[in-house]
């Protein structure tokens, strides 16, 4: 599974990145996590706000909705 956090480096974006890494480590998920800060790459996903969570090249969450929602999105992405 490939996971990307799209963000410009703001506190909310960094928080989402940290939360994803904590969940991946805790649950021992086989996941590659990337923090994308390049504006052109972010825009290529067609989003207008950050942070965004991308699982296997699909945007699954806009905005940092907290650890429980992030974990749910990761689990659903790994089941797909």
Protein backbone atom coordinates (compact mmCIF):
# COMPACT_ATOMS: atom_id res chain seq x y z
CA UNK A 1 0.00 0.00 0.00
CA UNK A 2 1.23 3.48 -0.86
CA UNK A 3 0.17 6.43 1.29
CA UNK A 4 0.81 10.09 0.62
CA UNK A 5 0.08 13.10 2.75
CA UNK A 6 -0.34 16.15 0.55
CA UNK A 7 0.48 19.33 2.41
CA UNK A 8 2.40 22.55 2.39
CA UNK A 9 4.11 22.08 5.74
CA UNK A 10 1.47 23.72 7.93
CA UNK A 11 0.90 22.35 11.47
CA UNK A 12 -2.24 20.45 10.39
CA UNK A 13 -0.39 18.80 7.50
CA UNK A 14 2.55 17.83 9.70
CA UNK A 15 0.14 16.49 12.33
CA UNK A 16 -1.53 14.26 9.73
CA UNK A 17 1.87 13.00 8.56
CA UNK A 18 2.91 12.21 12.14
CA UNK A 19 -0.41 10.50 12.90
CA UNK A 20 -0.15 8.31 9.79
CA UNK A 21 3.39 7.26 10.73
CA UNK A 22 2.32 6.46 14.31
CA UNK A 23 -0.60 4.30 13.10
CA UNK A 24 1.56 2.50 10.54
CA UNK A 25 4.22 1.72 13.16
CA UNK A 26 1.73 0.68 15.85
CA UNK A 27 -0.25 -1.60 13.54
CA UNK A 28 2.88 -2.89 11.76
CA UNK A 29 1.33 -2.07 8.37
CA UNK A 30 3.30 -2.71 5.20
CA UNK A 31 2.98 0.85 3.97
CA UNK A 32 5.21 3.32 2.19
CA UNK A 33 4.46 6.82 3.52
CA UNK A 34 5.42 9.93 1.56
CA UNK A 35 4.94 13.57 2.54
CA UNK A 36 4.36 15.55 -0.66
CA UNK A 37 4.98 19.29 -0.32
CA UNK A 38 5.56 20.16 -3.99
CA UNK A 39 2.65 22.40 -5.06
CA UNK A 40 2.60 21.08 -8.64
CA UNK A 41 2.36 17.48 -7.43
CA UNK A 42 -0.36 18.43 -4.94
CA UNK A 43 -2.34 20.21 -7.66
CA UNK A 44 -2.10 17.14 -9.91
CA UNK A 45 -4.54 15.40 -7.51
CA UNK A 46 -7.21 18.02 -8.21
CA UNK A 47 -7.58 19.18 -4.62
CA UNK A 48 -8.03 22.75 -3.44
CA UNK A 49 -7.12 22.38 0.24
CA UNK A 50 -4.62 20.54 2.37
CA UNK A 51 -3.85 18.33 4.10
CA UNK A 52 -5.08 15.45 2.01
CA UNK A 53 -4.61 11.73 2.54
CA UNK A 54 -3.99 9.66 -0.58
CA UNK A 55 -4.11 5.85 -0.44
CA UNK A 56 -2.98 3.95 -3.52
CA UNK A 57 -3.26 7.13 -5.62
CA UNK A 58 -6.85 7.85 -4.53
CA UNK A 59 -7.68 10.89 -2.39
CA UNK A 60 -9.54 9.43 0.61
CA UNK A 61 -9.58 12.39 3.01
CA UNK A 62 -9.42 16.16 2.87
CA UNK A 63 -8.51 17.93 6.08
CA UNK A 64 -7.09 16.42 9.23
CA UNK A 65 -10.08 14.67 10.80
CA UNK A 66 -8.17 13.05 13.64
CA UNK A 67 -6.47 9.76 14.34
CA UNK A 68 -9.59 7.56 14.37
CA UNK A 69 -10.75 8.70 10.91
CA UNK A 70 -7.21 8.45 9.52
CA UNK A 71 -6.84 4.91 10.86
CA UNK A 72 -10.20 3.94 9.36
CA UNK A 73 -9.14 5.32 5.96
CA UNK A 74 -5.86 3.40 6.13
CA UNK A 75 -7.62 0.14 7.06
CA UNK A 76 -10.15 0.55 4.24
CA UNK A 77 -7.32 1.31 1.83
CA UNK A 78 -5.36 -1.78 2.86
CA UNK A 79 -8.45 -3.97 2.41
CA UNK A 80 -9.03 -2.75 -1.14
